[in-house]
Protein backbone atom coordinates (compact mmCIF):
# COMPACT_ATOMS: atom_id res chain seq x y z
CA MET A 1 -19.97 0.41 1.45
CA ILE A 2 -17.27 -0.53 3.96
CA THR A 3 -18.59 -1.99 7.19
CA ARG A 4 -16.96 -1.49 10.59
CA THR A 5 -18.25 -3.84 13.27
CA ARG A 6 -15.31 -5.99 14.46
CA LYS A 7 -12.87 -3.77 16.28
CA ILE A 8 -9.28 -4.78 17.01
CA ALA A 9 -8.62 -4.13 20.69
CA ILE A 10 -5.67 -1.76 21.22
CA LEU A 11 -3.97 -2.51 24.54
CA ASP A 12 -0.92 -1.38 26.50
CA LEU A 13 1.20 -3.66 28.70
CA ASP A 14 3.16 -1.79 31.37
CA THR A 15 6.31 -2.75 33.28
CA GLN A 16 4.20 -4.26 36.07
CA GLY A 17 2.56 -6.68 33.63
CA LYS A 18 -0.76 -4.85 33.78
CA VAL A 19 -2.91 -4.60 30.66
CA THR A 20 -5.05 -1.53 29.95
CA GLU A 21 -7.11 -0.53 26.94
CA ARG A 22 -5.85 2.48 25.07
CA LYS A 23 -8.34 5.23 24.31
CA THR A 24 -8.40 6.00 20.59
CA LEU A 25 -9.76 9.04 18.82
CA PRO A 26 -12.68 8.58 16.42
CA GLY A 27 -11.31 7.55 13.06
CA SER A 28 -8.12 5.98 14.42
CA GLU A 29 -9.64 2.64 15.39
CA MET A 30 -8.52 -0.61 13.78
CA TRP A 31 -10.98 -3.14 12.37
CA LEU A 32 -11.06 -6.75 11.19
CA ASP A 33 -13.99 -6.43 8.78
CA ASN A 34 -11.92 -5.78 5.68
CA THR A 35 -8.86 -7.87 6.44
CA VAL A 36 -7.86 -11.29 5.14
CA ALA A 37 -7.90 -12.72 8.67
CA GLY A 38 -11.34 -11.29 9.34
CA HIS A 39 -12.76 -12.99 6.26
CA LEU A 40 -10.98 -16.30 6.80
CA TYR A 41 -12.11 -16.52 10.43
CA PRO A 42 -15.51 -14.84 11.00
CA SER A 43 -15.39 -15.28 14.80
CA LEU A 44 -11.75 -14.24 15.22
CA LYS A 45 -10.82 -11.72 17.92
CA VAL A 46 -7.55 -9.78 17.65
CA ALA A 47 -5.72 -7.40 19.97
CA LEU A 48 -2.78 -5.14 19.18
CA VAL A 49 -0.58 -4.94 22.28
CA THR A 50 2.14 -2.36 22.81
CA VAL A 51 4.93 -3.29 25.23
CA PRO A 52 7.59 -1.01 26.75
CA THR A 53 10.69 -0.55 24.60
CA GLU A 54 12.82 1.51 26.96
CA MET A 55 15.50 0.10 29.26
CA MET A 56 13.94 -1.83 32.16
CA GLU A 57 15.06 -3.41 35.42
CA TRP A 58 15.33 -7.18 35.39
CA ASN A 59 12.12 -7.60 37.38
CA GLU A 60 10.26 -5.28 35.01
CA SER A 61 11.47 -7.30 32.03
CA ALA A 62 10.21 -10.44 33.78
CA ASN A 63 6.82 -8.82 34.36
CA VAL A 64 6.51 -7.92 30.68
CA ALA A 65 7.60 -11.38 29.53
CA ASP A 66 5.11 -13.05 31.89
CA GLY A 67 2.36 -10.69 30.77
CA LEU A 68 2.87 -11.61 27.13
CA PHE A 69 2.05 -15.24 27.90
CA ASN A 70 -1.36 -14.44 29.30
CA ILE A 71 -3.24 -11.41 27.95
CA GLN A 72 -6.70 -11.23 29.48
CA PHE A 73 -9.14 -8.65 28.14
CA ASP A 74 -12.93 -8.41 27.95
CA ASN A 75 -13.41 -12.02 29.13
CA THR A 76 -11.09 -13.32 26.39
CA THR A 77 -7.66 -14.94 26.66
CA TYR A 78 -5.30 -13.84 23.92
CA ARG A 79 -2.18 -15.60 22.64
CA LEU A 80 0.75 -14.03 20.80
CA VAL A 81 0.57 -14.60 17.03
CA GLY A 82 2.99 -12.13 15.43
CA SER A 83 3.75 -8.61 14.31
CA GLY A 84 3.28 -6.53 11.22
CA GLY A 85 6.65 -4.88 11.02
CA GLY A 86 6.05 -3.06 14.29
CA ALA A 87 8.07 -5.39 16.53
CA LYS A 88 10.85 -2.82 16.73
CA ASN A 89 8.27 -0.40 18.13
CA GLY A 90 6.99 -2.92 20.65
CA LYS A 91 3.73 -3.69 18.82
CA PHE A 92 2.49 -7.27 18.66
CA TYR A 93 -0.71 -8.96 17.51
CA PHE A 94 -2.58 -11.38 19.72
CA ALA A 95 -5.49 -13.65 18.79
CA ASP A 96 -8.04 -15.49 20.91
CA GLU A 97 -7.07 -18.96 22.13
CA GLU A 98 -9.22 -20.77 19.57
CA HIS A 99 -7.79 -19.07 16.49
CA ALA A 100 -4.16 -18.50 17.53
CA PRO A 101 -3.04 -22.06 16.53
CA MET A 102 -4.78 -21.68 13.16
CA LEU A 103 -2.92 -18.45 12.46
CA HIS A 104 0.36 -20.03 13.59
CA ALA A 105 -0.20 -22.85 11.07
CA ARG A 106 -0.70 -20.36 8.23
CA PHE A 107 2.89 -19.25 8.79
CA GLN A 108 4.28 -22.79 9.17
CA ASN A 109 4.57 -22.27 12.96
CA TRP A 110 7.67 -20.25 12.16
CA PRO A 111 8.22 -17.39 14.66
CA GLU A 112 10.39 -15.32 12.32
CA ALA A 113 7.71 -15.44 9.61
CA LEU A 114 4.98 -14.48 12.08
CA ILE A 115 7.00 -11.51 13.25
CA SER A 116 7.82 -10.36 9.72
CA TYR A 117 4.67 -11.09 7.75
CA PHE A 118 1.65 -11.36 10.04
CA GLY A 119 0.59 -7.88 8.93
CA ILE A 120 -0.63 -9.49 5.68
CA GLN A 121 -3.51 -10.92 7.67
CA THR A 122 -4.49 -7.64 9.33
CA SER A 123 -3.95 -5.15 6.47
CA ASP A 124 -7.09 -3.07 6.00
CA CYS A 125 -8.25 -3.48 2.39
CA LYS A 126 -10.39 -1.00 0.46
CA ARG A 127 -11.94 -3.84 -1.56
CA ILE A 128 -12.13 -7.46 -0.43
CA VAL A 129 -14.10 -10.53 -1.55
CA ASP A 130 -14.49 -14.19 -0.64
CA ALA A 131 -14.40 -16.51 -3.63
CA GLU A 132 -13.90 -20.05 -4.86
CA GLY A 133 -11.06 -20.31 -7.32
CA THR A 134 -7.63 -21.57 -8.29
CA VAL A 135 -4.33 -19.95 -7.38
CA LEU A 136 -1.22 -20.92 -9.35
CA VAL A 137 2.18 -20.26 -7.76
CA VAL A 138 5.05 -20.00 -10.26
CA PRO A 139 8.75 -19.08 -10.04
CA ASP A 140 9.43 -15.37 -10.42
CA ASN A 141 9.38 -14.20 -14.07
CA GLU A 142 7.42 -17.22 -15.27
CA LEU A 143 4.16 -16.48 -17.14
CA GLY A 144 4.98 -12.79 -17.20
CA THR A 145 5.21 -12.40 -13.41
CA ASN A 146 7.93 -10.51 -11.60
CA ASP A 147 9.11 -9.75 -8.08
CA CYS A 148 5.89 -9.94 -5.99
CA ARG A 149 3.75 -9.13 -9.05
CA GLY A 150 1.15 -11.51 -10.43
CA TRP A 151 -2.10 -11.72 -12.40
CA ILE A 152 -5.81 -11.80 -11.57
CA SER A 153 -8.52 -12.93 -13.99
CA GLU A 154 -11.08 -10.49 -15.38
CA SER A 155 -13.98 -12.37 -13.81
CA LEU A 156 -12.53 -12.33 -10.30
CA PHE A 157 -11.33 -8.75 -10.66
CA ALA A 158 -14.85 -7.63 -11.64
CA ARG A 159 -16.11 -8.75 -8.24
CA LEU A 160 -13.76 -6.31 -6.53
CA ASP A 161 -15.51 -3.35 -8.20
CA ALA A 162 -12.25 -1.42 -8.55
CA PRO A 163 -11.17 1.10 -11.22
CA SER A 164 -10.08 -0.59 -14.44
CA LYS A 165 -6.83 -0.24 -16.39
CA ALA A 166 -4.65 0.28 -13.33
CA PHE A 167 -2.10 -1.50 -11.14
CA TYR A 168 -3.27 -3.02 -7.84
CA GLN A 169 -1.65 -3.78 -4.51
CA PHE A 170 -3.20 -6.93 -3.05
CA ARG A 171 -3.45 -9.14 0.01
CA LEU A 172 -4.36 -12.80 -0.42
CA GLY A 173 -5.31 -15.78 1.70
CA PHE A 174 -5.74 -19.29 0.22
CA ALA A 175 -5.30 -22.82 1.54
CA LEU A 176 -2.71 -22.30 4.32
CA GLU A 177 -0.81 -19.68 2.33
CA ASN A 178 -0.53 -15.90 2.57
CA GLY A 179 0.14 -13.63 -0.39
CA LYS A 180 1.05 -9.99 -0.88
CA GLY A 181 2.26 -7.90 -3.78
CA SER A 182 0.66 -6.39 -6.85
CA PHE A 183 -1.63 -7.48 -9.67
CA LYS A 184 -2.24 -6.84 -13.31
CA VAL A 185 -5.46 -8.10 -14.91
CA MET A 186 -5.23 -10.97 -17.40
CA LYS A 187 -7.77 -11.64 -20.11
CA ALA A 188 -10.45 -14.27 -19.57
CA ASP A 189 -9.17 -16.49 -22.39
CA VAL A 190 -5.69 -16.59 -20.82
CA ALA A 191 -7.07 -17.49 -17.39
CA GLN A 192 -9.16 -20.24 -18.95
CA ALA A 193 -6.26 -21.63 -20.99
CA ILE A 194 -3.96 -21.77 -17.97
CA GLY A 195 -6.71 -22.88 -15.60
CA ALA A 196 -6.10 -20.33 -12.86
CA ASP A 197 -7.99 -17.34 -11.49
CA ILE A 198 -4.89 -15.90 -9.85
CA ILE A 199 -1.22 -16.36 -10.78
CA ILE A 200 1.39 -15.20 -8.28
CA PRO A 201 5.18 -15.63 -8.12
CA GLU A 202 6.84 -17.47 -5.25
CA SER A 203 8.13 -14.13 -3.91
CA SER A 204 4.51 -13.13 -3.17
CA CYS A 205 4.04 -16.07 -0.79
CA LYS A 206 5.02 -15.26 2.80
CA PRO A 207 6.61 -17.54 3.89
CA ALA A 208 7.57 -19.41 0.71
CA PRO A 209 5.68 -22.73 0.37
CA SER A 210 7.31 -26.07 -0.37
CA LEU A 211 6.50 -26.78 -4.02
CA LYS A 212 7.50 -29.21 -6.76
CA PRO A 213 9.93 -28.06 -9.48
CA TRP A 214 8.26 -25.84 -12.07
CA ASN A 215 7.08 -27.28 -15.34
CA TYR A 216 4.30 -25.67 -17.34
CA ASP A 217 2.85 -29.00 -18.48
CA SER A 218 2.56 -30.20 -14.87
CA ARG A 219 1.48 -26.81 -13.47
CA THR A 220 -1.45 -28.41 -11.66
CA ASP A 221 1.10 -29.59 -9.07
CA ARG A 222 1.41 -25.94 -8.05
CA MET A 223 -2.29 -25.08 -8.10
CA PHE A 224 -4.42 -24.50 -5.01
CA THR A 225 -8.16 -24.82 -5.63
CA GLY A 226 -10.75 -23.89 -3.03
CA PRO A 227 -11.90 -20.92 -0.95
CA LEU A 228 -9.78 -17.80 -1.14
CA VAL A 229 -9.87 -14.21 0.08
CA VAL A 230 -8.45 -11.43 -2.06
CA GLY A 231 -8.31 -7.77 -1.08
CA LEU A 232 -7.01 -4.61 -2.73
CA ARG A 233 -4.98 -2.20 -0.63
CA GLU A 234 -4.23 0.46 -3.21
CA VAL A 235 -4.67 1.34 -6.88
CA SER A 236 -2.31 3.25 -9.16
CA ARG A 237 -3.45 6.70 -10.29
CA ASP A 238 -1.98 10.00 -11.37
CA LEU A 239 -0.70 11.83 -8.29
CA LEU A 240 1.07 15.07 -7.50
CA PHE A 241 3.60 15.18 -4.67
CA SER A 242 5.21 18.09 -2.87
CA SER A 243 8.97 17.89 -3.00
CA SER A 244 10.90 17.35 0.23
CA TYR A 245 14.38 18.00 1.57
CA THR A 246 15.27 14.33 1.10
CA VAL A 247 15.10 14.92 -2.66
CA THR A 248 16.17 18.56 -3.00
CA GLN A 249 19.31 18.09 -0.88
CA HIS A 250 20.81 16.24 -3.84
CA ALA A 251 20.06 19.06 -6.31
CA SER A 252 22.90 21.08 -7.80
CA VAL A 253 23.60 24.67 -6.71
CA ASP A 254 22.47 25.92 -10.10
CA THR A 255 19.15 24.07 -9.77
CA ILE A 256 18.61 25.46 -6.27
CA LEU A 257 19.23 29.04 -7.42
CA THR A 258 17.32 28.95 -10.69
CA GLU A 259 14.44 26.56 -9.88
CA LEU A 260 13.93 25.75 -6.21
CA ILE A 261 14.23 29.23 -4.67
CA PRO A 262 12.01 30.93 -7.32
CA LYS A 263 9.39 28.18 -6.88
CA ALA A 264 9.44 28.63 -3.10
CA ARG A 265 8.98 32.39 -3.41
CA GLU A 266 6.15 31.87 -5.86
CA ALA A 267 4.39 29.46 -3.49
CA MET A 268 4.71 31.88 -0.56
CA GLN A 269 3.31 34.79 -2.57
CA SER A 270 0.45 32.64 -3.87
CA LEU A 271 -0.57 31.61 -0.34
CA LYS A 272 -0.29 35.18 0.92
CA ASP A 273 -2.53 36.46 -1.89
CA ALA A 274 -5.11 33.71 -1.35
CA TRP A 275 -5.26 34.34 2.41
CA ARG A 276 -5.66 38.10 2.05
CA ALA A 277 -8.38 37.66 -0.57
CA GLY A 278 -10.28 35.18 1.59
CA ASN A 279 -9.94 32.51 -1.10
CA HIS A 280 -10.05 29.59 1.30
CA GLU A 281 -10.34 27.02 -1.45
CA ALA A 282 -6.93 28.10 -2.76
CA VAL A 283 -5.58 28.06 0.81
CA VAL A 284 -6.82 24.52 1.36
CA ASN A 285 -5.28 23.45 -1.96
CA GLN A 286 -1.89 24.55 -0.66
CA ILE A 287 -1.80 23.77 3.06
CA GLY A 288 -4.42 21.05 3.48
CA GLN A 289 -5.50 17.72 2.14
CA ARG A 290 -8.71 18.09 0.21
CA VAL A 291 -11.52 15.59 0.59
CA SER A 292 -10.81 12.80 -1.89
CA LEU A 293 -13.18 12.32 -4.80
CA ASP A 294 -11.45 9.07 -5.66
CA GLU A 295 -14.18 6.42 -5.85
CA PHE A 296 -11.71 3.73 -4.82
CA ALA A 297 -11.20 5.48 -1.47
CA LYS A 298 -14.90 6.08 -0.80
CA GLY A 299 -15.81 5.18 2.75
CA VAL A 300 -12.21 5.11 3.95
CA THR A 301 -11.74 7.29 7.03
CA LYS A 302 -9.02 9.94 6.69
CA ASP A 303 -7.37 12.19 9.21
CA GLU A 304 -10.28 13.76 11.09
CA LEU A 305 -8.28 16.78 12.24
CA MET A 306 -7.31 17.65 8.69
CA ARG A 307 -10.84 17.12 7.42
CA THR A 308 -12.36 19.34 10.15
CA VAL A 309 -10.03 22.25 9.46
CA GLU A 310 -10.53 21.92 5.72
CA ALA A 311 -14.29 21.87 6.02
CA THR A 312 -14.22 24.91 8.30
CA LEU A 313 -12.05 26.94 5.94
CA LEU A 314 -14.11 26.01 2.91
CA ALA A 315 -17.43 26.75 4.61
CA ASP A 316 -16.44 30.05 6.22
CA GLY A 317 -16.62 32.85 3.72
CA SER A 318 -15.90 35.69 6.16
CA GLY A 319 -12.92 34.14 7.91
CA GLU A 320 -14.31 34.91 11.36
CA ILE A 321 -14.38 31.25 12.42
CA CYS A 322 -10.59 31.19 12.08
CA GLN A 323 -10.45 33.29 15.25
CA HIS A 324 -11.90 30.40 17.24
CA PRO A 325 -9.05 29.11 19.49
CA TYR A 326 -9.27 25.49 18.31
CA ILE A 327 -9.45 26.35 14.59
CA TYR A 328 -6.72 28.97 15.00
CA ARG A 329 -4.34 26.43 16.59
CA GLN A 330 -4.97 23.80 13.93
CA VAL A 331 -4.58 26.24 11.05
CA ASP A 332 -1.37 27.44 12.69
CA LYS A 333 -0.08 23.85 12.75
CA LEU A 334 -0.93 23.35 9.09
CA LEU A 335 0.80 26.60 8.15
CA ALA A 336 3.90 25.63 10.11
CA LYS A 337 4.02 22.24 8.42
CA TRP A 338 3.54 23.85 5.00
CA ALA A 339 6.25 26.46 5.68
CA TYR A 340 8.74 23.74 6.67
CA LYS A 341 8.08 21.80 3.46
CA VAL A 342 8.40 24.91 1.30
CA LEU A 343 11.60 26.09 2.95
CA THR A 344 13.26 22.67 2.78
CA GLY A 345 11.68 21.24 -0.37
CA GLY A 346 11.41 24.34 -2.49
CA GLY A 347 7.64 24.39 -3.01
CA MET A 348 7.90 22.24 -6.12
CA HIS A 349 5.14 19.82 -7.08
CA LEU A 350 6.17 16.66 -8.88
CA PRO A 351 4.07 14.10 -10.77
CA GLY A 352 4.16 10.73 -9.05
CA PHE A 353 3.45 7.25 -10.34
CA ALA A 354 3.48 3.68 -9.12
CA LEU A 355 6.41 1.64 -10.41
CA ALA A 356 5.47 -1.53 -12.27
CA ASP A 357 7.39 -4.17 -14.16
CA ASP A 358 7.03 -4.81 -17.90
CA GLY A 359 5.58 -8.34 -17.76
CA PHE A 360 3.03 -9.49 -20.33
CA LEU A 361 0.78 -12.53 -20.76
CA PHE A 362 -1.63 -13.32 -23.63
CA LEU A 363 -2.66 -15.97 -26.16
CA ASP A 364 -1.31 -15.97 -29.70
CA GLU A 365 -3.34 -16.63 -32.86
CA ASN A 366 -3.12 -20.38 -32.28
CA GLY A 367 -4.23 -20.22 -28.66
CA GLY A 368 -0.73 -20.67 -27.27
CA VAL A 369 0.35 -18.87 -24.10
CA VAL A 370 2.87 -16.10 -24.74
CA SER A 371 4.57 -14.40 -21.80
CA GLY A 372 7.69 -12.52 -20.87
CA SER A 373 9.21 -9.85 -18.68
CA ASP A 374 12.31 -7.66 -18.29
CA TRP A 375 12.29 -6.64 -21.95
CA ILE A 376 12.61 -2.87 -21.41
CA PRO A 377 16.26 -1.72 -21.02
CA GLY A 378 17.15 -1.08 -17.39
CA GLU A 379 17.73 2.65 -17.84
CA MET A 380 14.42 3.28 -19.64
CA ALA A 381 10.77 3.56 -18.61
CA LEU A 382 7.39 3.90 -20.30
CA THR A 383 5.63 6.97 -18.93
CA SER A 384 2.97 9.51 -19.86
CA LEU A 385 5.44 12.36 -19.26
CA THR A 386 6.62 14.59 -22.10
CA SER A 387 10.04 15.14 -20.52
CA ALA A 388 13.03 13.21 -21.82
CA ARG A 389 14.22 12.12 -18.38
CA SER A 390 12.81 11.39 -14.93
CA LEU A 391 13.76 9.90 -11.58
CA CYS A 392 12.84 6.57 -10.10
CA VAL A 393 12.72 7.42 -6.39
CA ARG A 394 13.04 4.83 -3.67
CA TYR A 395 11.45 6.08 -0.46
CA PRO A 396 12.61 6.92 2.08
CA VAL A 397 15.44 8.75 0.30
CA ARG A 398 18.54 8.16 2.44
CA MET A 399 21.27 8.66 -0.13
CA LYS A 400 21.83 9.84 -3.66
CA GLU A 401 21.73 6.26 -4.91
CA ASP A 402 18.01 6.15 -4.03
CA LEU A 403 17.41 8.54 -6.95
CA LEU A 404 17.78 6.53 -10.15
CA PRO A 405 17.86 8.54 -13.42
CA MET A 406 15.68 7.12 -16.18
CA MET A 407 15.16 7.89 -19.85
CA ASN A 408 11.49 8.28 -20.69
CA CYS A 409 10.48 6.13 -23.64
CA ASN A 410 7.88 7.52 -26.02
CA ARG A 411 4.85 5.26 -25.78
CA VAL A 412 3.78 5.56 -29.40
CA GLY A 413 7.24 4.81 -30.78
CA ARG A 414 7.74 1.90 -28.41
CA THR A 415 4.35 0.43 -29.19
CA GLU A 416 5.26 0.18 -32.87
CA GLN A 417 8.19 -2.05 -31.94
CA ARG A 418 6.13 -4.61 -30.06
CA ARG A 419 5.39 -7.94 -31.60
CA ARG A 420 2.01 -8.23 -29.85
CA ARG A 421 0.85 -4.65 -29.99
CA ARG A 422 -2.81 -4.62 -29.01
CA ILE A 423 -2.94 -6.95 -25.99
CA ARG A 424 0.45 -6.02 -24.55
CA GLN A 425 -0.44 -2.33 -24.81
CA ARG A 426 -3.57 -2.95 -22.78
CA GLN A 427 -1.57 -4.71 -20.05
CA ARG A 428 1.19 -2.08 -19.93
CA PHE A 429 -0.38 1.32 -20.39
CA LEU A 430 -2.23 1.55 -17.10
CA HIS A 431 -3.35 4.61 -15.19
CA GLY A 432 -0.97 6.29 -12.76
CA LEU A 433 1.93 4.06 -13.71
CA VAL A 434 5.56 4.08 -14.74
CA GLN A 435 6.85 0.79 -16.13
CA ARG A 436 10.42 -0.34 -16.37
CA TRP A 437 12.68 -3.37 -16.14
CA LYS A 438 12.86 -4.80 -12.61
CA GLY A 439 15.78 -7.19 -12.83
């Protein structure tokens, strides 16, 4: 069960240098309980401060600058520590005076790193544990790693109580280092042979640490042993996405006429029939976001507005409650949003997968470590789809080049070509995943 007791204060700093607390709706609060920073520093206090981003007079700019040096709230003095990618939107993190220097040190007292990567420390994780263990940092592509993708041992992974046979997005804190990226699970015998509970590439460390040149025989020079915090942000699973105009705008005229327009008409007729028949479950399936049954997401608060409208539609068999002004307005908003997506995206639903690299790591018959990556041709991918081709989509889609055509490789046929069939298959064929070369 996820606990929520340590709230992050959300504040606004105006052009007069005055600080006020922002009122947040239930469910939109921010918490420290399941963050790396919250686990590393049990008494830490954090505030998220929003500053004006519009054009200001010189005296107003001075007021804002002075205010950032001395944030006082709830009998606590806060000092600027960084941003989580929201600097362009005027959002900055502050920590109490005691912990601010400690957080600065974690990012080598480097302002650019604090602005770019501090969000690692405040990312809300769905699973998080404190542990004692060893982290090995290797160059990218060594020991089967890849760009920001590493390994976690079976024993440490078991403590996270997450779904097995998947691909995991992680946040990590160890020594004075910060890590982010994704994990695969390595077998216990491999972890024991290498002597590490976690293996991550240098690209996962933000900022990059100063390390000795890589040599497998002297790998202990790159090991960090001691307390660590590891959290999981997301897990790969089979998903279904509604298409959008950013994708369909690149479709051919023939595809629009023969596939997109008929699908849109079909979706409209289906919703009309469900609404007239009072089949609210079918309505919710089309215009709403159903309550997740995903165990990994249990206890995670979702959009309360969406959940309220869904629950009302599903519980009301007669449809009379839809005449209530509040429910009517919210259903109207959902219908408008749905109509926009259908008219611009075509009403198509597409299978979606996480994109993972093809790295592998195991022990051979003699107990030797065998690893590798980037062995799948760049234009091919291992998928569960029966189609011959698919798209690797980079979001947000800004141009046609963000849609990369791929040839789908038959899993059975490809498996027969592998030198280490059983173990490599276990590491590659994960749930909700597409795997390809990531050179």
